[in-house]
Amino acid sequence: MKKIAVLTSGGGAPGMNAAIRAVVGIGIRNGVEVHGVREGYAGLIAGDFLRMDMESIDNTIHRGGTILGSSRSETFKLLEGQRQALAL
């Protein structure tokens, strides 16, 4: 099965939850397993993933910010941080 991950980074912005919802919905309809990365790049490095389904995106479109959380990561800017994320 194909898998994808959706990650939000840099702070909340209008429409982020709608974008997440679209990625999850289209992915599922196309037989793709969708995972959300909690807390942006910090979550990517830590391996903090959440399998997403239609239930996980119910009632999210009207909420502000991002349901996944967001963070910037100085560690991810470094090659070692990127390697750490890839190792998961």
C-alpha atoms as a PDB file:
ATOM      1  CA  MET A   1       0.000   0.000   0.000  1.00  0.00           C
ATOM      2  CA  LYS A   2       1.178   3.505  -0.751  1.00  0.00           C
ATOM      3  CA  LYS A   3       1.644   5.825   2.200  1.00  0.00           C
ATOM      4  CA  ILE A   4       1.983   9.583   2.521  1.00  0.00           C
ATOM      5  CA  ALA A   5       2.414  11.970   5.414  1.00  0.00           C
ATOM      6  CA  VAL A   6       1.089  15.483   5.843  1.00  0.00           C
ATOM      7  CA  LEU A   7       3.039  17.977   7.957  1.00  0.00           C
ATOM      8  CA  THR A   8       2.320  21.574   8.921  1.00  0.00           C
ATOM      9  CA  SER A   9       5.118  23.896   9.944  1.00  0.00           C
ATOM     10  CA  GLY A  10       5.754  27.515  10.757  1.00  0.00           C
ATOM     11  CA  GLY A  11       2.557  28.443  12.575  1.00  0.00           C
ATOM     12  CA  GLY A  12      -1.142  28.225  11.935  1.00  0.00           C
ATOM     13  CA  ALA A  13      -2.786  29.959   9.006  1.00  0.00           C
ATOM     14  CA  PRO A  14      -6.335  30.105   7.666  1.00  0.00           C
ATOM     15  CA  GLY A  15      -7.113  27.110   5.515  1.00  0.00           C
ATOM     16  CA  MET A  16      -4.551  24.696   6.964  1.00  0.00           C
ATOM     17  CA  ASN A  17      -7.190  22.344   8.353  1.00  0.00           C
ATOM     18  CA  ALA A  18      -9.063  22.449   5.064  1.00  0.00           C
ATOM     19  CA  ALA A  19      -5.832  21.494   3.267  1.00  0.00           C
ATOM     20  CA  ILE A  20      -5.193  18.634   5.709  1.00  0.00           C
ATOM     21  CA  ARG A  21      -8.769  17.463   5.247  1.00  0.00           C
ATOM     22  CA  ALA A  22      -8.351  17.503   1.453  1.00  0.00           C
ATOM     23  CA  VAL A  23      -5.106  15.516   1.576  1.00  0.00           C
ATOM     24  CA  VAL A  24      -6.635  12.889   3.866  1.00  0.00           C
ATOM     25  CA  GLY A  25      -9.881  12.599   1.911  1.00  0.00           C
ATOM     26  CA  ILE A  26      -8.261  12.366  -1.514  1.00  0.00           C
ATOM     27  CA  GLY A  27      -5.607   9.986  -0.239  1.00  0.00           C
ATOM     28  CA  ILE A  28      -8.119   7.606   1.296  1.00  0.00           C
ATOM     29  CA  ARG A  29     -10.336   7.682  -1.794  1.00  0.00           C
ATOM     30  CA  ASN A  30      -7.284   6.678  -3.839  1.00  0.00           C
ATOM     31  CA  GLY A  31      -6.239   3.822  -1.580  1.00  0.00           C
ATOM     32  CA  VAL A  32      -3.380   5.669   0.087  1.00  0.00           C
ATOM     33  CA  GLU A  33      -2.630   5.314   3.799  1.00  0.00           C
ATOM     34  CA  VAL A  34      -2.356   8.838   5.223  1.00  0.00           C
ATOM     35  CA  HIS A  35      -0.408   9.801   8.331  1.00  0.00           C
ATOM     36  CA  GLY A  36      -0.262  13.175  10.028  1.00  0.00           C
ATOM     37  CA  VAL A  37       2.983  14.401  11.552  1.00  0.00           C
ATOM     38  CA  ARG A  38       2.289  15.992  14.937  1.00  0.00           C
ATOM     39  CA  GLU A  39       4.078  19.248  15.750  1.00  0.00           C
ATOM     40  CA  GLY A  40       5.780  19.868  12.403  1.00  0.00           C
ATOM     41  CA  TYR A  41       9.443  19.083  11.844  1.00  0.00           C
ATOM     42  CA  ALA A  42       9.999  18.360  15.546  1.00  0.00           C
ATOM     43  CA  GLY A  43       7.420  15.556  15.224  1.00  0.00           C
ATOM     44  CA  LEU A  44       9.077  14.311  12.053  1.00  0.00           C
ATOM     45  CA  ILE A  45      12.395  13.940  13.885  1.00  0.00           C
ATOM     46  CA  ALA A  46      10.691  12.347  16.915  1.00  0.00           C
ATOM     47  CA  GLY A  47       8.601   9.961  14.792  1.00  0.00           C
ATOM     48  CA  ASP A  48       5.344  11.377  16.151  1.00  0.00           C
ATOM     49  CA  PHE A  49       2.910  10.152  13.478  1.00  0.00           C
ATOM     50  CA  LEU A  50      -0.854   9.689  13.598  1.00  0.00           C
ATOM     51  CA  ARG A  51      -2.704   7.486  11.122  1.00  0.00           C
ATOM     52  CA  MET A  52      -5.509   9.601   9.752  1.00  0.00           C
ATOM     53  CA  ASP A  53      -8.920   8.512   8.538  1.00  0.00           C
ATOM     54  CA  MET A  54     -12.188  10.235   7.725  1.00  0.00           C
ATOM     55  CA  GLU A  55     -13.146  10.277  11.408  1.00  0.00           C
ATOM     56  CA  SER A  56      -9.938  12.111  12.332  1.00  0.00           C
ATOM     57  CA  ILE A  57     -10.877  15.023  10.065  1.00  0.00           C
ATOM     58  CA  ASP A  58     -14.550  15.300  11.042  1.00  0.00           C
ATOM     59  CA  ASN A  59     -15.492  18.753  12.311  1.00  0.00           C
ATOM     60  CA  THR A  60     -12.060  20.245  11.615  1.00  0.00           C
ATOM     61  CA  ILE A  61     -12.706  22.546   8.693  1.00  0.00           C
ATOM     62  CA  HIS A  62     -14.112  25.336  10.891  1.00  0.00           C
ATOM     63  CA  ARG A  63     -11.273  25.212  13.441  1.00  0.00           C
ATOM     64  CA  GLY A  64      -8.443  27.703  13.292  1.00  0.00           C
ATOM     65  CA  GLY A  65      -4.759  26.864  13.273  1.00  0.00           C
ATOM     66  CA  THR A  66      -3.779  23.307  12.472  1.00  0.00           C
ATOM     67  CA  ILE A  67      -5.142  20.119  14.015  1.00  0.00           C
ATOM     68  CA  LEU A  68      -1.690  18.548  13.690  1.00  0.00           C
ATOM     69  CA  GLY A  69       0.174  21.266  15.539  1.00  0.00           C
ATOM     70  CA  SER A  70       3.139  23.098  14.165  1.00  0.00           C
ATOM     71  CA  SER A  71       6.699  23.893  15.107  1.00  0.00           C
ATOM     72  CA  ARG A  72       9.865  25.106  13.534  1.00  0.00           C
ATOM     73  CA  SER A  73      12.983  23.023  14.120  1.00  0.00           C
ATOM     74  CA  GLU A  74      16.539  24.236  14.181  1.00  0.00           C
ATOM     75  CA  THR A  75      17.599  20.579  14.388  1.00  0.00           C
ATOM     76  CA  PHE A  76      15.933  19.751  11.060  1.00  0.00           C
ATOM     77  CA  LYS A  77      17.976  22.462   9.340  1.00  0.00           C
ATOM     78  CA  LEU A  78      21.088  20.396  10.061  1.00  0.00           C
ATOM     79  CA  LEU A  79      22.037  17.356   8.007  1.00  0.00           C
ATOM     80  CA  GLU A  80      22.098  15.202  11.156  1.00  0.00           C
ATOM     81  CA  GLY A  81      18.507  16.199  11.987  1.00  0.00           C
ATOM     82  CA  GLN A  82      17.387  15.305   8.463  1.00  0.00           C
ATOM     83  CA  ARG A  83      19.157  11.954   8.703  1.00  0.00           C
ATOM     84  CA  GLN A  84      17.445  11.307  12.021  1.00  0.00           C
ATOM     85  CA  ALA A  85      14.034  11.936  10.434  1.00  0.00           C
ATOM     86  CA  LEU A  86      14.869   9.676   7.482  1.00  0.00           C
ATOM     87  CA  ALA A  87      15.911   6.843   9.768  1.00  0.00           C
ATOM     88  CA  LEU A  88      12.374   6.415  11.114  1.00  0.00           C
END
